């Protein structure tokens, strides 16, 4: 089934390819007299992974003939990235209003990323 998740992933992968090759595209444009043609082919097909579709997004333009593609596996039935059990666990860590605790900060040791939980209004 082709639905909103697959279409969103196609757009994301096209944006990544355009961002990756922006300087090469610009250079090809500056060197051309009549402009350039950028092709962004998309192939959607069956996957070896049950419930997933294979998405291949490519980019092609003439500078020195750049041609590459990205393959991504997407499932419309994919579970949410943050399961409800994790959301409930985070809420249990959140300080209660009137408890005397203003906030709780949780840090990840490798990247140093952190999040601060404050009482709900």
Protein backbone atom coordinates (compact mmCIF):
# COMPACT_ATOMS: atom_id res chain seq x y z
CA UNK A 1 0.00 0.00 0.00
CA UNK A 2 1.28 3.44 -0.91
CA UNK A 3 0.21 5.95 1.72
CA UNK A 4 1.34 9.09 3.53
CA UNK A 5 4.41 7.53 5.21
CA UNK A 6 5.83 6.32 1.92
CA UNK A 7 5.16 9.68 0.23
CA UNK A 8 6.74 11.55 3.16
CA UNK A 9 9.82 9.33 3.04
CA UNK A 10 10.17 9.91 -0.72
CA UNK A 11 10.12 13.69 -0.12
CA UNK A 12 12.70 13.38 2.68
CA UNK A 13 15.07 11.32 0.52
CA UNK A 14 14.71 13.73 -2.44
CA UNK A 15 15.54 16.64 -0.12
CA UNK A 16 18.62 14.77 1.17
CA UNK A 17 19.87 14.17 -2.37
CA UNK A 18 19.31 17.80 -3.38
CA UNK A 19 21.06 19.02 -0.23
CA UNK A 20 23.97 16.62 -0.78
CA UNK A 21 24.57 17.77 -4.37
CA UNK A 22 23.62 21.47 -4.16
CA UNK A 23 27.15 22.71 -4.85
CA UNK A 24 27.60 20.33 -7.81
CA UNK A 25 24.18 21.35 -9.20
CA UNK A 26 25.10 25.01 -8.81
CA UNK A 27 28.44 24.47 -10.55
CA UNK A 28 26.79 22.59 -13.42
CA UNK A 29 24.25 25.40 -13.78
CA UNK A 30 26.93 28.10 -13.80
CA UNK A 31 28.87 26.19 -16.48
CA UNK A 32 25.83 25.63 -18.70
CA UNK A 33 24.49 27.96 -21.34
CA UNK A 34 20.94 26.65 -21.53
CA UNK A 35 20.38 25.53 -17.92
CA UNK A 36 20.46 22.01 -16.58
CA UNK A 37 18.02 19.15 -16.26
CA UNK A 38 17.80 17.40 -12.89
CA UNK A 39 16.12 13.99 -12.85
CA UNK A 40 14.78 12.60 -9.57
CA UNK A 41 13.53 9.09 -10.36
CA UNK A 42 11.54 7.25 -7.69
CA UNK A 43 11.03 3.49 -7.67
CA UNK A 44 8.60 1.82 -5.25
CA UNK A 45 8.57 -1.94 -5.14
CA UNK A 46 8.16 -5.01 -2.99
CA UNK A 47 10.65 -5.72 -0.24
CA UNK A 48 12.12 -8.87 1.28
CA UNK A 49 10.86 -7.53 4.63
CA UNK A 50 7.18 -8.44 5.17
CA UNK A 51 4.93 -5.37 5.44
CA UNK A 52 7.56 -3.01 4.00
CA UNK A 53 7.92 -1.44 0.59
CA UNK A 54 11.34 -0.65 -0.93
CA UNK A 55 11.77 2.95 -1.99
CA UNK A 56 14.67 3.92 -4.23
CA UNK A 57 15.13 7.63 -4.91
CA UNK A 58 17.81 8.80 -7.29
CA UNK A 59 19.28 11.99 -8.69
CA UNK A 60 20.87 12.53 -12.07
CA UNK A 61 22.23 15.68 -13.68
CA UNK A 62 25.02 16.47 -16.05
CA UNK A 63 28.18 18.00 -14.71
CA UNK A 64 30.51 15.09 -14.86
CA UNK A 65 27.52 12.73 -15.08
CA UNK A 66 26.58 12.36 -11.43
CA UNK A 67 24.20 9.49 -10.79
CA UNK A 68 23.40 7.93 -7.43
CA UNK A 69 20.42 6.61 -5.49
CA UNK A 70 19.18 5.87 -1.97
CA UNK A 71 17.09 2.85 -0.96
CA UNK A 72 14.87 3.06 2.15
CA UNK A 73 12.39 0.54 3.59
CA UNK A 74 9.10 2.03 4.85
CA UNK A 75 6.03 0.39 6.37
CA UNK A 76 2.65 2.08 6.60
CA UNK A 77 1.98 -0.28 9.53
CA UNK A 78 5.16 0.73 11.38
CA UNK A 79 4.68 1.25 15.10
CA UNK A 80 5.09 4.77 16.50
CA UNK A 81 8.70 5.74 17.20
CA UNK A 82 7.92 6.40 20.88
CA UNK A 83 5.72 3.60 22.25
CA UNK A 84 3.00 4.46 24.76
CA UNK A 85 4.89 2.54 27.49
CA UNK A 86 7.87 4.89 27.07
CA UNK A 87 5.60 7.95 27.16
CA UNK A 88 4.03 6.68 30.41
CA UNK A 89 7.49 6.04 31.92
CA UNK A 90 8.58 9.59 31.06
CA UNK A 91 5.42 11.00 32.63
CA UNK A 92 6.17 9.06 35.85
CA UNK A 93 9.55 10.84 35.99
CA UNK A 94 7.96 14.27 35.52
CA UNK A 95 7.74 16.21 38.83
CA UNK A 96 4.24 16.75 40.22
CA UNK A 97 2.91 20.29 40.54
CA UNK A 98 3.28 21.47 44.16
CA UNK A 99 5.83 18.76 45.03
CA UNK A 100 8.61 21.31 45.61
CA UNK A 101 10.61 19.97 42.65
CA UNK A 102 10.76 22.50 39.81
CA UNK A 103 12.27 20.25 37.13
CA UNK A 104 14.04 16.98 36.37
CA UNK A 105 16.82 16.87 33.74
CA UNK A 106 17.76 13.61 32.03
CA UNK A 107 21.08 13.47 30.13
CA UNK A 108 22.42 10.92 27.68
CA UNK A 109 26.07 10.17 28.50
CA UNK A 110 27.54 9.60 25.01
CA UNK A 111 26.11 12.52 23.07
CA UNK A 112 25.43 14.82 25.99
CA UNK A 113 21.86 15.36 24.79
CA UNK A 114 19.43 16.19 27.56
CA UNK A 115 15.78 16.91 28.22
CA UNK A 116 14.25 18.79 31.13
CA UNK A 117 10.84 17.80 32.45
CA UNK A 118 8.76 20.37 34.29
CA UNK A 119 5.41 19.96 36.08
CA UNK A 120 2.32 19.98 33.84
CA UNK A 121 0.00 22.96 34.25
